[in-house]
Amino acid sequence: MTVTFDPAIPVFRIFSVEKAREFYLDFLGFQVDWEHRFEPETPLYMQVSRGAVVLHLSEHHGDACPGSTAYVRMRGVRAYHAEISAKAYRYLRPGVESPDWTEAEMTVTDPFGNRIRFGEKKN
């Protein structure tokens, strides 16, 4: 059997489903793929995605630490920046940088301290 790997799926800890939806769905434009609760009043575990990027968001204690970072390689960082900037999200106004190692990079921080760095490779 040949060893192969699928893309990693970061798990981010969340503390408010409403704030997570506002940030990931309304601001970043992700969609909910599925949600799971063991019972109606138990913590939520959900998967969100946009294109090939898949994230797991968890209210479960111990699943992840707030303040984690995921790096997402993509094309069109400046266009994505323009798209989300037009939404005028009240809690974050990210910028775009051009560090030596990449064409463009934008970092967003969710309401729970988790960061996603969107980076575009130099040609």
Protein backbone atom coordinates (compact mmCIF):
# COMPACT_ATOMS: atom_id res chain seq x y z
CA MET A 1 0.00 0.00 0.00
CA THR A 2 1.26 3.48 -0.88
CA VAL A 3 1.25 6.12 1.85
CA THR A 4 -0.69 9.25 0.89
CA PHE A 5 -1.83 12.27 2.83
CA ASP A 6 -4.96 14.39 2.49
CA PRO A 7 -4.92 18.09 3.36
CA ALA A 8 -4.86 18.86 7.09
CA ILE A 9 -8.03 20.17 8.75
CA PRO A 10 -7.31 22.71 11.49
CA VAL A 11 -9.54 22.63 14.58
CA PHE A 12 -10.28 26.02 16.15
CA ARG A 13 -11.85 26.45 19.58
CA ILE A 14 -14.91 28.72 19.65
CA PHE A 15 -16.89 30.06 22.59
CA SER A 16 -19.95 31.49 20.84
CA VAL A 17 -21.76 29.88 17.93
CA GLU A 18 -23.31 33.22 17.00
CA LYS A 19 -19.94 35.03 16.87
CA ALA A 20 -18.39 32.12 14.94
CA ARG A 21 -21.18 32.24 12.34
CA GLU A 22 -20.88 36.02 12.04
CA PHE A 23 -17.12 35.76 11.45
CA TYR A 24 -16.70 32.60 9.37
CA LEU A 25 -19.93 32.69 7.35
CA ASP A 26 -20.96 36.33 7.07
CA PHE A 27 -17.48 37.93 7.00
CA LEU A 28 -15.14 35.32 5.46
CA GLY A 29 -17.78 33.75 3.20
CA PHE A 30 -17.42 30.15 4.36
CA GLN A 31 -20.37 27.74 4.38
CA VAL A 32 -21.48 25.20 6.98
CA ASP A 33 -20.93 21.65 5.73
CA TRP A 34 -22.28 19.90 8.81
CA GLU A 35 -22.91 20.35 12.54
CA HIS A 36 -22.87 17.84 15.39
CA ARG A 37 -24.12 17.90 18.97
CA PHE A 38 -24.48 14.84 21.19
CA GLU A 39 -27.68 16.38 22.63
CA PRO A 40 -29.50 19.70 22.03
CA GLU A 41 -27.79 21.64 24.84
CA THR A 42 -24.28 20.19 24.45
CA PRO A 43 -21.29 21.87 22.75
CA LEU A 44 -21.30 22.25 18.98
CA TYR A 45 -18.71 20.74 16.63
CA MET A 46 -19.06 21.93 13.04
CA GLN A 47 -17.26 21.92 9.73
CA VAL A 48 -17.07 25.05 7.56
CA SER A 49 -15.44 25.38 4.17
CA ARG A 50 -14.74 27.69 1.30
CA GLY A 51 -13.28 26.15 -1.82
CA ALA A 52 -10.63 23.66 -0.77
CA VAL A 53 -10.22 25.15 2.72
CA VAL A 54 -11.89 23.10 5.45
CA LEU A 55 -11.98 24.09 9.13
CA HIS A 56 -13.47 22.42 12.17
CA LEU A 57 -14.91 24.73 14.83
CA SER A 58 -15.46 23.28 18.29
CA GLU A 59 -17.06 24.41 21.52
CA HIS A 60 -15.71 21.28 23.23
CA HIS A 61 -13.24 21.87 26.05
CA GLY A 62 -9.89 20.33 25.21
CA ASP A 63 -10.37 20.11 21.44
CA ALA A 64 -8.07 23.05 20.70
CA CYS A 65 -6.45 26.06 22.32
CA PRO A 66 -7.59 29.58 21.51
CA GLY A 67 -4.85 31.52 19.74
CA SER A 68 -4.01 28.85 17.16
CA THR A 69 -2.87 29.75 13.64
CA ALA A 70 -3.54 28.09 10.28
CA TYR A 71 -1.76 29.02 7.06
CA VAL A 72 -3.84 28.86 3.87
CA ARG A 73 -2.06 28.95 0.52
CA MET A 74 -4.29 30.58 -2.10
CA ARG A 75 -4.42 32.74 -5.21
CA GLY A 76 -6.18 36.11 -5.24
CA VAL A 77 -5.33 37.41 -1.77
CA ARG A 78 -5.86 41.03 -2.83
CA ALA A 79 -9.23 40.22 -4.42
CA TYR A 80 -10.30 38.31 -1.29
CA HIS A 81 -9.18 41.27 0.82
CA ALA A 82 -11.34 43.60 -1.29
CA GLU A 83 -14.30 41.21 -0.98
CA ILE A 84 -14.23 40.98 2.81
CA SER A 85 -13.31 44.66 3.28
CA ALA A 86 -16.48 45.64 1.42
CA LYS A 87 -18.51 43.93 4.15
CA ALA A 88 -17.31 46.44 6.78
CA TYR A 89 -17.10 43.83 9.55
CA ARG A 90 -17.11 45.89 12.70
CA TYR A 91 -14.45 43.95 14.64
CA LEU A 92 -11.61 43.56 12.11
CA ARG A 93 -10.05 45.46 9.22
CA PRO A 94 -7.21 43.24 7.95
CA GLY A 95 -4.51 44.55 5.66
CA VAL A 96 -2.43 42.93 2.96
CA GLU A 97 1.34 42.68 3.27
CA SER A 98 4.04 41.62 0.82
CA PRO A 99 6.75 39.90 2.89
CA ASP A 100 9.87 38.59 1.13
CA TRP A 101 8.67 34.96 1.14
CA THR A 102 5.30 35.46 -0.53
CA GLU A 103 3.50 37.64 -3.08
CA ALA A 104 0.76 38.77 -0.70
CA GLU A 105 -0.39 37.77 2.77
CA MET A 106 -3.44 38.68 4.84
CA THR A 107 -4.01 37.62 8.44
CA VAL A 108 -7.45 37.54 10.02
CA THR A 109 -8.14 36.91 13.70
CA ASP A 110 -11.45 35.40 14.78
CA PRO A 111 -13.34 36.53 17.91
CA PHE A 112 -11.61 33.76 19.92
CA GLY A 113 -8.02 34.69 19.10
CA ASN A 114 -7.46 32.13 16.33
CA ARG A 115 -5.60 33.38 13.25
CA ILE A 116 -5.74 32.42 9.61
CA ARG A 117 -2.96 33.62 7.34
CA PHE A 118 -3.94 33.65 3.69
CA GLY A 119 -0.80 33.62 1.54
CA GLU A 120 -0.19 33.81 -2.18
CA LYS A 121 2.97 32.25 -3.60
CA LYS A 122 5.36 34.33 -5.65
CA ASN A 123 5.48 33.33 -9.31
